[in-house]
Amino acid sequence: MPHAYYSPNMRRIAIPAVVVAIAVGLLALLAFGVSAQGTNSSIDASVARGDYPQAPGYHLKLPILGGSGTESLADFRGKVVVMNVFASWCQPCLAEAPILEREQQRIVKDNATILGVTYLDNSSASETFVQQNHLTYPVIRDVNGELVRGFGTTGVPETFVINRQGRIVALRRYQLAGEWLQQTVARVLDEHS
């Protein structure tokens, strides 16, 4: 049986070809991931254009964490709502909890509120998170993820600022830091007073 012979020139051609094939595969995977985001990117793009979409699942009633009854975004109509999607196991959520609570204390007098929405979390862990972080704003449980899927949420934390008419006017799909939340909410309160 003849032996395969690889010349040094063949090796110089084969290695870059493998690298190029891997790079092309990674780019294709990235393109698929971006295109598969659907609602996520369309909400983001609409908000960026200043074409503020109605909050998805506006009338969807969800259970109140640690209480009885349900609430929906529609129950907050007329208020500016900062909807924060979080989970007790999420370290960035823990880091931004004090920012959200400070903002709640600042805006509650302006007919505005933070609204926590649990994501892929059990209720006892969520309740412990709320208690340990001394959160005073309302929290609802999105048990099957129906509400957050409409917002294109695939991870936590994510924050959506919803104006008094129920439209998404700003969003962050990562951990809050700095003054973005305070400045954004102040602007929305001023624009829609």
N, C-alpha and C. Protein backbone atom coordinates (compact mmCIF):
# COMPACT_ATOMS: atom_id res chain seq x y z
N MET A 1 0.85 -1.17 0.00
CA MET A 1 0.00 0.00 0.00
C MET A 1 0.89 1.23 0.00
N PRO A 2 0.65 2.16 -0.91
CA PRO A 2 1.49 3.34 -0.97
C PRO A 2 1.25 4.22 0.25
N HIS A 3 2.31 4.86 0.67
CA HIS A 3 2.22 5.78 1.80
C HIS A 3 1.82 7.16 1.29
N ALA A 4 0.99 7.81 2.07
CA ALA A 4 0.63 9.18 1.71
C ALA A 4 1.82 10.07 1.99
N TYR A 5 2.08 10.95 1.10
CA TYR A 5 3.22 11.84 1.25
C TYR A 5 2.69 13.27 1.37
N TYR A 6 3.08 13.93 2.45
CA TYR A 6 2.71 15.32 2.64
C TYR A 6 3.96 16.16 2.56
N SER A 7 3.96 17.02 1.62
CA SER A 7 5.12 17.91 1.50
C SER A 7 4.94 19.09 2.45
N PRO A 8 6.00 19.76 2.81
CA PRO A 8 5.89 20.96 3.65
C PRO A 8 4.97 22.01 3.02
N ASN A 9 4.94 22.08 1.69
CA ASN A 9 4.05 23.04 1.02
C ASN A 9 2.59 22.71 1.26
N MET A 10 2.25 21.40 1.28
CA MET A 10 0.87 21.00 1.53
C MET A 10 0.45 21.39 2.95
N ARG A 11 1.36 21.23 3.90
CA ARG A 11 1.04 21.58 5.28
C ARG A 11 0.81 23.08 5.39
N ARG A 12 1.61 23.89 4.69
CA ARG A 12 1.44 25.34 4.73
C ARG A 12 0.09 25.76 4.14
N ILE A 13 -0.42 25.01 3.21
CA ILE A 13 -1.72 25.31 2.61
C ILE A 13 -2.85 24.77 3.48
N ALA A 14 -2.68 23.59 4.06
CA ALA A 14 -3.75 22.94 4.82
C ALA A 14 -4.09 23.70 6.10
N ILE A 15 -3.10 24.16 6.83
CA ILE A 15 -3.37 24.84 8.11
C ILE A 15 -4.16 26.12 7.89
N PRO A 16 -3.74 27.01 6.98
CA PRO A 16 -4.57 28.21 6.77
C PRO A 16 -5.98 27.87 6.26
N ALA A 17 -6.11 26.83 5.47
CA ALA A 17 -7.43 26.44 4.96
C ALA A 17 -8.34 26.01 6.11
N VAL A 18 -7.80 25.28 7.07
CA VAL A 18 -8.57 24.87 8.24
C VAL A 18 -8.98 26.10 9.05
N VAL A 19 -8.06 27.03 9.25
CA VAL A 19 -8.35 28.25 10.00
C VAL A 19 -9.45 29.05 9.31
N VAL A 20 -9.37 29.18 7.99
CA VAL A 20 -10.39 29.90 7.23
C VAL A 20 -11.74 29.20 7.35
N ALA A 21 -11.76 27.88 7.28
CA ALA A 21 -13.01 27.13 7.39
C ALA A 21 -13.64 27.33 8.78
N ILE A 22 -12.83 27.32 9.81
CA ILE A 22 -13.34 27.56 11.17
C ILE A 22 -13.89 28.98 11.28
N ALA A 23 -13.16 29.95 10.76
CA ALA A 23 -13.61 31.35 10.82
C ALA A 23 -14.94 31.53 10.08
N VAL A 24 -15.07 30.92 8.91
CA VAL A 24 -16.31 31.02 8.14
C VAL A 24 -17.45 30.39 8.93
N GLY A 25 -17.19 29.25 9.57
CA GLY A 25 -18.22 28.59 10.38
C GLY A 25 -18.65 29.46 11.55
N LEU A 26 -17.69 30.10 12.22
CA LEU A 26 -18.02 30.97 13.35
C LEU A 26 -18.82 32.19 12.88
N LEU A 27 -18.46 32.76 11.75
CA LEU A 27 -19.21 33.90 11.22
C LEU A 27 -20.64 33.50 10.86
N ALA A 28 -20.80 32.31 10.28
CA ALA A 28 -22.14 31.82 9.95
C ALA A 28 -22.96 31.62 11.22
N LEU A 29 -22.33 31.08 12.26
CA LEU A 29 -23.03 30.89 13.53
C LEU A 29 -23.42 32.23 14.15
N LEU A 30 -22.54 33.21 14.07
CA LEU A 30 -22.84 34.54 14.58
C LEU A 30 -24.01 35.16 13.81
N ALA A 31 -23.99 35.06 12.50
CA ALA A 31 -25.07 35.61 11.67
C ALA A 31 -26.39 34.94 12.01
N PHE A 32 -26.36 33.62 12.22
CA PHE A 32 -27.59 32.92 12.59
C PHE A 32 -28.09 33.41 13.94
N GLY A 33 -27.19 33.57 14.91
CA GLY A 33 -27.57 34.03 16.25
C GLY A 33 -28.20 35.40 16.22
N VAL A 34 -27.63 36.31 15.45
CA VAL A 34 -28.17 37.67 15.35
C VAL A 34 -29.53 37.63 14.67
N SER A 35 -29.67 36.88 13.60
CA SER A 35 -30.95 36.84 12.89
C SER A 35 -32.02 36.12 13.70
N ALA A 36 -31.64 35.19 14.56
CA ALA A 36 -32.61 34.45 15.35
C ALA A 36 -33.17 35.26 16.51
N GLN A 37 -32.60 36.43 16.79
CA GLN A 37 -33.07 37.23 17.91
C GLN A 37 -34.43 37.85 17.64
N GLY A 38 -34.82 38.03 16.41
CA GLY A 38 -36.16 38.46 16.05
C GLY A 38 -36.68 39.64 16.83
N THR A 39 -37.60 39.37 17.77
CA THR A 39 -38.25 40.40 18.56
C THR A 39 -37.23 41.27 19.27
N ASN A 40 -36.20 40.63 19.81
CA ASN A 40 -35.17 41.35 20.55
C ASN A 40 -34.63 42.49 19.71
N SER A 41 -34.14 42.20 18.51
CA SER A 41 -33.53 43.24 17.70
C SER A 41 -34.56 44.21 17.14
N SER A 42 -35.80 43.76 16.90
CA SER A 42 -36.79 44.69 16.36
C SER A 42 -37.21 45.70 17.42
N ILE A 43 -37.35 45.28 18.68
CA ILE A 43 -37.65 46.23 19.76
C ILE A 43 -36.48 47.20 19.91
N ASP A 44 -35.28 46.67 19.94
CA ASP A 44 -34.10 47.52 20.08
C ASP A 44 -34.01 48.53 18.95
N ALA A 45 -34.23 48.06 17.73
CA ALA A 45 -34.14 48.95 16.57
C ALA A 45 -35.24 50.01 16.60
N SER A 46 -36.45 49.62 16.97
CA SER A 46 -37.56 50.59 17.05
C SER A 46 -37.26 51.68 18.07
N VAL A 47 -36.80 51.28 19.24
CA VAL A 47 -36.48 52.25 20.29
C VAL A 47 -35.35 53.17 19.82
N ALA A 48 -34.35 52.61 19.18
CA ALA A 48 -33.22 53.42 18.69
C ALA A 48 -33.68 54.45 17.66
N ARG A 49 -34.68 54.11 16.85
CA ARG A 49 -35.23 55.04 15.85
C ARG A 49 -36.16 56.08 16.47
N GLY A 50 -36.55 55.87 17.72
CA GLY A 50 -37.52 56.76 18.34
C GLY A 50 -38.95 56.37 18.03
N ASP A 51 -39.13 55.18 17.48
CA ASP A 51 -40.45 54.65 17.17
C ASP A 51 -40.80 53.67 18.29
N TYR A 52 -41.37 54.19 19.37
CA TYR A 52 -41.52 53.45 20.61
C TYR A 52 -42.65 52.43 20.53
N PRO A 53 -42.30 51.13 20.60
CA PRO A 53 -43.33 50.09 20.47
C PRO A 53 -44.12 49.92 21.76
N GLN A 54 -45.36 49.47 21.60
CA GLN A 54 -46.18 49.11 22.75
C GLN A 54 -45.51 47.96 23.49
N ALA A 55 -45.52 47.99 24.80
CA ALA A 55 -44.93 46.90 25.59
C ALA A 55 -45.68 45.61 25.30
N PRO A 56 -44.97 44.54 24.93
CA PRO A 56 -45.64 43.25 24.68
C PRO A 56 -46.26 42.70 25.97
N GLY A 57 -47.30 41.92 25.83
CA GLY A 57 -47.93 41.29 26.99
C GLY A 57 -48.50 42.28 27.98
N TYR A 58 -48.93 43.41 27.48
CA TYR A 58 -49.37 44.52 28.33
C TYR A 58 -50.49 44.12 29.29
N HIS A 59 -51.37 43.26 28.85
CA HIS A 59 -52.52 42.86 29.69
C HIS A 59 -52.34 41.48 30.33
N LEU A 60 -51.17 40.88 30.16
CA LEU A 60 -50.90 39.57 30.73
C LEU A 60 -50.78 39.66 32.25
N LYS A 61 -51.67 38.97 32.95
CA LYS A 61 -51.68 38.96 34.42
C LYS A 61 -50.68 37.92 34.92
N LEU A 62 -49.80 38.34 35.82
CA LEU A 62 -48.82 37.43 36.40
C LEU A 62 -48.92 37.47 37.92
N PRO A 63 -48.56 36.35 38.59
CA PRO A 63 -48.66 36.31 40.05
C PRO A 63 -47.68 37.28 40.72
N ILE A 64 -48.15 37.89 41.80
CA ILE A 64 -47.32 38.79 42.59
C ILE A 64 -46.41 37.94 43.48
N LEU A 65 -45.12 38.24 43.48
CA LEU A 65 -44.17 37.50 44.30
C LEU A 65 -44.48 37.72 45.78
N GLY A 66 -44.60 36.63 46.52
CA GLY A 66 -44.80 36.71 47.95
C GLY A 66 -46.17 37.20 48.38
N GLY A 67 -47.11 37.22 47.47
CA GLY A 67 -48.44 37.71 47.82
C GLY A 67 -49.50 36.96 47.04
N SER A 68 -50.71 37.41 47.22
CA SER A 68 -51.80 36.81 46.44
C SER A 68 -52.20 37.79 45.36
N GLY A 69 -52.86 37.28 44.38
CA GLY A 69 -53.31 38.14 43.29
C GLY A 69 -52.32 38.20 42.15
N THR A 70 -52.70 38.98 41.16
CA THR A 70 -51.89 39.13 39.95
C THR A 70 -51.79 40.61 39.58
N GLU A 71 -50.82 40.91 38.76
CA GLU A 71 -50.68 42.25 38.20
C GLU A 71 -50.20 42.14 36.76
N SER A 72 -50.53 43.16 35.99
CA SER A 72 -50.06 43.25 34.61
C SER A 72 -49.46 44.64 34.41
N LEU A 73 -48.78 44.83 33.32
CA LEU A 73 -48.27 46.16 32.99
C LEU A 73 -49.42 47.15 32.86
N ALA A 74 -50.56 46.69 32.37
CA ALA A 74 -51.73 47.56 32.21
C ALA A 74 -52.20 48.13 33.55
N ASP A 75 -51.96 47.40 34.63
CA ASP A 75 -52.34 47.89 35.96
C ASP A 75 -51.55 49.14 36.35
N PHE A 76 -50.44 49.39 35.67
CA PHE A 76 -49.59 50.55 35.97
C PHE A 76 -49.78 51.67 34.95
N ARG A 77 -50.78 51.55 34.10
CA ARG A 77 -51.02 52.57 33.07
C ARG A 77 -51.13 53.94 33.73
N GLY A 78 -50.50 54.92 33.11
CA GLY A 78 -50.47 56.26 33.68
C GLY A 78 -49.21 56.51 34.49
N LYS A 79 -48.45 55.44 34.77
CA LYS A 79 -47.19 55.56 35.49
C LYS A 79 -46.04 55.28 34.53
N VAL A 80 -44.90 55.87 34.81
CA VAL A 80 -43.67 55.44 34.15
C VAL A 80 -43.22 54.19 34.89
N VAL A 81 -42.95 53.13 34.15
CA VAL A 81 -42.55 51.85 34.75
C VAL A 81 -41.16 51.48 34.25
N VAL A 82 -40.30 51.16 35.19
CA VAL A 82 -38.99 50.62 34.86
C VAL A 82 -39.08 49.13 35.14
N MET A 83 -39.24 48.34 34.09
CA MET A 83 -39.38 46.89 34.24
C MET A 83 -37.99 46.26 34.22
N ASN A 84 -37.63 45.63 35.33
CA ASN A 84 -36.33 44.99 35.45
C ASN A 84 -36.52 43.48 35.53
N VAL A 85 -35.94 42.77 34.56
CA VAL A 85 -36.00 41.31 34.52
C VAL A 85 -34.76 40.79 35.25
N PHE A 86 -34.97 39.94 36.27
CA PHE A 86 -33.85 39.50 37.10
C PHE A 86 -34.05 38.06 37.56
N ALA A 87 -33.02 37.52 38.18
CA ALA A 87 -33.08 36.21 38.83
C ALA A 87 -32.17 36.24 40.05
N SER A 88 -32.52 35.46 41.06
CA SER A 88 -31.74 35.46 42.30
C SER A 88 -30.33 34.91 42.10
N TRP A 89 -30.13 34.05 41.12
CA TRP A 89 -28.83 33.41 40.88
C TRP A 89 -27.90 34.26 40.02
N CYS A 90 -28.37 35.42 39.60
CA CYS A 90 -27.64 36.28 38.65
C CYS A 90 -26.79 37.30 39.41
N GLN A 91 -25.47 37.21 39.30
CA GLN A 91 -24.57 38.14 39.99
C GLN A 91 -24.73 39.58 39.51
N PRO A 92 -24.85 39.85 38.20
CA PRO A 92 -25.09 41.23 37.77
C PRO A 92 -26.40 41.79 38.32
N CYS A 93 -27.42 40.91 38.51
CA CYS A 93 -28.70 41.36 39.09
C CYS A 93 -28.49 41.81 40.53
N LEU A 94 -27.67 41.08 41.24
CA LEU A 94 -27.35 41.43 42.62
C LEU A 94 -26.62 42.78 42.66
N ALA A 95 -25.71 42.98 41.73
CA ALA A 95 -24.94 44.23 41.69
C ALA A 95 -25.83 45.44 41.38
N GLU A 96 -26.86 45.26 40.56
CA GLU A 96 -27.69 46.41 40.19
C GLU A 96 -28.89 46.62 41.13
N ALA A 97 -29.16 45.69 42.03
CA ALA A 97 -30.30 45.82 42.95
C ALA A 97 -30.28 47.13 43.74
N PRO A 98 -29.14 47.57 44.28
CA PRO A 98 -29.14 48.85 45.02
C PRO A 98 -29.46 50.05 44.11
N ILE A 99 -29.04 50.00 42.86
CA ILE A 99 -29.33 51.08 41.91
C ILE A 99 -30.84 51.17 41.69
N LEU A 100 -31.47 50.02 41.51
CA LEU A 100 -32.92 49.99 41.28
C LEU A 100 -33.68 50.46 42.51
N GLU A 101 -33.26 50.05 43.70
CA GLU A 101 -33.96 50.46 44.91
C GLU A 101 -33.80 51.96 45.15
N ARG A 102 -32.61 52.50 44.92
CA ARG A 102 -32.43 53.97 45.06
C ARG A 102 -33.33 54.71 44.10
N GLU A 103 -33.44 54.21 42.87
CA GLU A 103 -34.30 54.86 41.88
C GLU A 103 -35.76 54.76 42.30
N GLN A 104 -36.17 53.63 42.85
CA GLN A 104 -37.55 53.48 43.33
C GLN A 104 -37.85 54.54 44.39
N GLN A 105 -36.96 54.74 45.32
CA GLN A 105 -37.17 55.73 46.37
C GLN A 105 -37.28 57.14 45.79
N ARG A 106 -36.54 57.39 44.73
CA ARG A 106 -36.54 58.71 44.10
C ARG A 106 -37.79 58.97 43.27
N ILE A 107 -38.31 57.95 42.57
CA ILE A 107 -39.38 58.17 41.59
C ILE A 107 -40.79 57.89 42.09
N VAL A 108 -40.92 57.22 43.21
CA VAL A 108 -42.25 56.83 43.68
C VAL A 108 -43.16 58.05 43.85
N LYS A 109 -42.61 59.18 44.22
CA LYS A 109 -43.40 60.42 44.41
C LYS A 109 -43.85 61.02 43.08
N ASP A 110 -43.24 60.58 41.96
CA ASP A 110 -43.55 61.11 40.63
C ASP A 110 -44.50 60.22 39.85
N ASN A 111 -45.26 59.36 40.55
CA ASN A 111 -46.17 58.44 39.89
C ASN A 111 -45.41 57.54 38.91
N ALA A 112 -44.31 56.98 39.41
CA ALA A 112 -43.49 56.06 38.63
C ALA A 112 -43.06 54.93 39.56
N THR A 113 -42.64 53.81 38.98
CA THR A 113 -42.22 52.68 39.81
C THR A 113 -41.24 51.79 39.05
N ILE A 114 -40.44 51.09 39.83
CA ILE A 114 -39.69 49.95 39.31
C ILE A 114 -40.65 48.77 39.41
N LEU A 115 -40.61 47.86 38.45
CA LEU A 115 -41.38 46.62 38.51
C LEU A 115 -40.41 45.48 38.24
N GLY A 116 -40.15 44.67 39.24
CA GLY A 116 -39.29 43.50 39.06
C GLY A 116 -40.08 42.37 38.42
N VAL A 117 -39.41 41.64 37.53
CA VAL A 117 -40.01 40.46 36.90
C VAL A 117 -39.01 39.33 37.03
N THR A 118 -39.38 38.28 37.75
CA THR A 118 -38.45 37.16 37.91
C THR A 118 -38.37 36.35 36.62
N TYR A 119 -37.20 35.80 36.37
CA TYR A 119 -36.94 35.04 35.14
C TYR A 119 -36.19 33.77 35.48
N LEU A 120 -36.77 32.63 35.13
CA LEU A 120 -36.15 31.33 35.36
C LEU A 120 -35.64 31.18 36.79
N ASP A 121 -36.51 31.46 37.74
CA ASP A 121 -36.14 31.46 39.15
C ASP A 121 -37.30 30.88 39.95
N ASN A 122 -36.98 30.19 41.05
CA ASN A 122 -38.09 29.71 41.88
C ASN A 122 -38.49 30.81 42.86
N SER A 123 -39.74 30.75 43.28
CA SER A 123 -40.29 31.87 44.05
C SER A 123 -39.60 32.04 45.41
N SER A 124 -39.21 30.98 46.08
CA SER A 124 -38.57 31.15 47.39
C SER A 124 -37.21 31.81 47.25
N ALA A 125 -36.45 31.46 46.23
CA ALA A 125 -35.15 32.11 46.00
C ALA A 125 -35.35 33.58 45.62
N SER A 126 -36.37 33.86 44.82
CA SER A 126 -36.67 35.25 44.44
C SER A 126 -37.08 36.06 45.67
N GLU A 127 -37.91 35.47 46.53
CA GLU A 127 -38.34 36.17 47.75
C GLU A 127 -37.14 36.48 48.64
N THR A 128 -36.24 35.53 48.78
CA THR A 128 -35.03 35.75 49.58
C THR A 128 -34.20 36.88 48.99
N PHE A 129 -34.05 36.89 47.67
CA PHE A 129 -33.31 37.95 46.98
C PHE A 129 -33.92 39.32 47.30
N VAL A 130 -35.24 39.43 47.18
CA VAL A 130 -35.94 40.69 47.44
C VAL A 130 -35.73 41.13 48.89
N GLN A 131 -35.87 40.20 49.83
CA GLN A 131 -35.70 40.54 51.25
C GLN A 131 -34.27 40.95 51.57
N GLN A 132 -33.29 40.18 51.08
CA GLN A 132 -31.89 40.47 51.39
C GLN A 132 -31.43 41.80 50.80
N ASN A 133 -32.06 42.20 49.71
CA ASN A 133 -31.67 43.47 49.06
C ASN A 133 -32.60 44.62 49.44
N HIS A 134 -33.55 44.36 50.36
CA HIS A 134 -34.46 45.38 50.88
C HIS A 134 -35.21 46.11 49.75
N LEU A 135 -35.68 45.33 48.78
CA LEU A 135 -36.39 45.91 47.64
C LEU A 135 -37.83 46.21 48.03
N THR A 136 -38.26 47.43 47.75
CA THR A 136 -39.61 47.86 48.14
C THR A 136 -40.56 47.94 46.95
N TYR A 137 -40.07 47.78 45.76
CA TYR A 137 -40.93 47.89 44.59
C TYR A 137 -41.64 46.56 44.32
N PRO A 138 -42.74 46.60 43.57
CA PRO A 138 -43.49 45.37 43.28
C PRO A 138 -42.69 44.42 42.39
N VAL A 139 -42.90 43.12 42.61
CA VAL A 139 -42.24 42.08 41.83
C VAL A 139 -43.29 41.07 41.42
N ILE A 140 -43.28 40.71 40.13
CA ILE A 140 -44.18 39.68 39.63
C ILE A 140 -43.35 38.51 39.11
N ARG A 141 -44.00 37.35 39.07
CA ARG A 141 -43.32 36.13 38.65
C ARG A 141 -43.77 35.75 37.24
N ASP A 142 -42.82 35.72 36.32
CA ASP A 142 -43.12 35.26 34.96
C ASP A 142 -42.78 33.77 34.92
N VAL A 143 -43.69 32.97 35.43
CA VAL A 143 -43.45 31.55 35.68
C VAL A 143 -43.00 30.81 34.43
N ASN A 144 -43.66 31.02 33.31
CA ASN A 144 -43.30 30.28 32.09
C ASN A 144 -42.54 31.14 31.07
N GLY A 145 -42.18 32.36 31.43
CA GLY A 145 -41.40 33.22 30.55
C GLY A 145 -42.19 33.88 29.44
N GLU A 146 -43.50 33.80 29.49
CA GLU A 146 -44.33 34.34 28.41
C GLU A 146 -44.15 35.85 28.23
N LEU A 147 -44.13 36.59 29.33
CA LEU A 147 -43.99 38.04 29.23
C LEU A 147 -42.62 38.42 28.68
N VAL A 148 -41.57 37.90 29.27
CA VAL A 148 -40.22 38.33 28.87
C VAL A 148 -39.85 37.87 27.46
N ARG A 149 -40.40 36.76 27.01
CA ARG A 149 -40.14 36.33 25.63
C ARG A 149 -40.63 37.38 24.64
N GLY A 150 -41.77 38.01 24.95
CA GLY A 150 -42.31 39.06 24.09
C GLY A 150 -41.37 40.26 23.98
N PHE A 151 -40.56 40.47 25.02
CA PHE A 151 -39.58 41.56 25.02
C PHE A 151 -38.26 41.14 24.38
N GLY A 152 -38.18 39.87 23.97
CA GLY A 152 -36.95 39.36 23.38
C GLY A 152 -35.89 39.01 24.40
N THR A 153 -36.29 38.85 25.64
CA THR A 153 -35.33 38.55 26.71
C THR A 153 -34.85 37.12 26.59
N THR A 154 -33.53 36.97 26.62
CA THR A 154 -32.93 35.64 26.61
C THR A 154 -31.96 35.48 27.77
N GLY A 155 -31.80 36.50 28.57
CA GLY A 155 -30.90 36.44 29.71
C GLY A 155 -31.22 37.55 30.68
N VAL A 156 -30.48 37.58 31.78
CA VAL A 156 -30.69 38.61 32.79
C VAL A 156 -29.36 39.24 33.15
N PRO A 157 -29.39 40.47 33.61
CA PRO A 157 -30.53 41.34 33.77
C PRO A 157 -30.85 42.11 32.49
N GLU A 158 -32.08 42.53 32.37
CA GLU A 158 -32.52 43.43 31.31
C GLU A 158 -33.50 44.42 31.90
N THR A 159 -33.44 45.65 31.42
CA THR A 159 -34.28 46.72 31.98
C THR A 159 -34.94 47.49 30.85
N PHE A 160 -36.25 47.73 30.99
CA PHE A 160 -37.04 48.43 29.99
C PHE A 160 -37.75 49.60 30.66
N VAL A 161 -37.62 50.79 30.09
CA VAL A 161 -38.34 51.96 30.60
C VAL A 161 -39.58 52.13 29.74
N ILE A 162 -40.75 52.10 30.40
CA ILE A 162 -42.04 52.14 29.72
C ILE A 162 -42.74 53.42 30.13
N ASN A 163 -43.16 54.21 29.14
CA ASN A 163 -43.77 55.51 29.46
C ASN A 163 -45.21 55.34 29.95
N ARG A 164 -45.84 56.45 30.25
CA ARG A 164 -47.19 56.44 30.82
C ARG A 164 -48.24 55.86 29.86
N GLN A 165 -47.92 55.82 28.57
CA GLN A 165 -48.84 55.26 27.58
C GLN A 165 -48.56 53.79 27.29
N GLY A 166 -47.63 53.19 28.02
CA GLY A 166 -47.34 51.77 27.84
C GLY A 166 -46.38 51.47 26.72
N ARG A 167 -45.58 52.45 26.32
CA ARG A 167 -44.61 52.24 25.23
C ARG A 167 -43.18 52.16 25.77
N ILE A 168 -42.38 51.28 25.19
CA ILE A 168 -40.98 51.12 25.58
C ILE A 168 -40.20 52.28 24.98
N VAL A 169 -39.59 53.10 25.83
CA VAL A 169 -38.87 54.28 25.36
C VAL A 169 -37.37 54.17 25.56
N ALA A 170 -36.91 53.19 26.33
CA ALA A 170 -35.47 52.97 26.54
C ALA A 170 -35.28 51.56 27.07
N LEU A 171 -34.10 51.01 26.86
CA LEU A 171 -33.82 49.67 27.36
C LEU A 171 -32.34 49.45 27.51
N ARG A 172 -32.01 48.51 28.38
CA ARG A 172 -30.64 48.03 28.58
C ARG A 172 -30.71 46.52 28.68
N ARG A 173 -29.94 45.85 27.86
CA ARG A 173 -29.93 44.38 27.87
C ARG A 173 -28.68 43.86 28.57
N TYR A 174 -28.27 44.57 29.58
CA TYR A 174 -27.11 44.19 30.39
C TYR A 174 -27.21 44.92 31.72
N GLN A 175 -26.26 44.68 32.58
CA GLN A 175 -26.28 45.25 33.94
C GLN A 175 -26.27 46.77 33.92
N LEU A 176 -27.13 47.35 34.76
CA LEU A 176 -27.16 48.80 34.93
C LEU A 176 -25.92 49.25 35.69
N ALA A 177 -25.41 50.39 35.30
CA ALA A 177 -24.28 50.99 36.00
C ALA A 177 -24.31 52.48 35.75
N GLY A 178 -23.66 53.22 36.58
CA GLY A 178 -23.57 54.66 36.38
C GLY A 178 -24.92 55.34 36.53
N GLU A 179 -25.10 56.40 35.78
CA GLU A 179 -26.28 57.27 35.92
C GLU A 179 -27.34 57.05 34.84
N TRP A 180 -27.18 56.03 33.99
CA TRP A 180 -28.10 55.85 32.88
C TRP A 180 -29.56 55.79 33.35
N LEU A 181 -29.84 54.98 34.37
CA LEU A 181 -31.23 54.82 34.81
C LEU A 181 -31.82 56.13 35.32
N GLN A 182 -31.11 56.80 36.20
CA GLN A 182 -31.62 58.04 36.77
C GLN A 182 -31.84 59.09 35.68
N GLN A 183 -30.88 59.24 34.77
CA GLN A 183 -31.01 60.23 33.70
C GLN A 183 -32.15 59.88 32.74
N THR A 184 -32.27 58.61 32.41
CA THR A 184 -33.31 58.18 31.47
C THR A 184 -34.70 58.38 32.07
N VAL A 185 -34.89 57.97 33.30
CA VAL A 185 -36.19 58.09 33.94
C VAL A 185 -36.54 59.57 34.12
N ALA A 186 -35.58 60.40 34.50
CA ALA A 186 -35.83 61.83 34.65
C ALA A 186 -36.30 62.43 33.32
N ARG A 187 -35.66 62.03 32.22
CA ARG A 187 -36.03 62.53 30.90
C ARG A 187 -37.45 62.09 30.54
N VAL A 188 -37.79 60.83 30.80
CA VAL A 188 -39.12 60.32 30.46
C VAL A 188 -40.18 61.01 31.33
N LEU A 189 -39.88 61.22 32.59
CA LEU A 189 -40.82 61.93 33.47
C LEU A 189 -41.05 63.36 32.99
N ASP A 190 -39.98 64.03 32.56
CA ASP A 190 -40.10 65.41 32.05
C ASP A 190 -40.89 65.48 30.75
N GLU A 191 -40.63 64.52 29.84
CA GLU A 191 -41.29 64.52 28.53
C GLU A 191 -42.77 64.20 28.63
N HIS A 192 -43.14 63.44 29.61
CA HIS A 192 -44.51 62.94 29.66
C HIS A 192 -45.23 63.38 30.93
N SER A 193 -44.89 64.56 31.44
CA SER A 193 -45.56 65.04 32.66
C SER A 193 -46.93 65.57 32.34
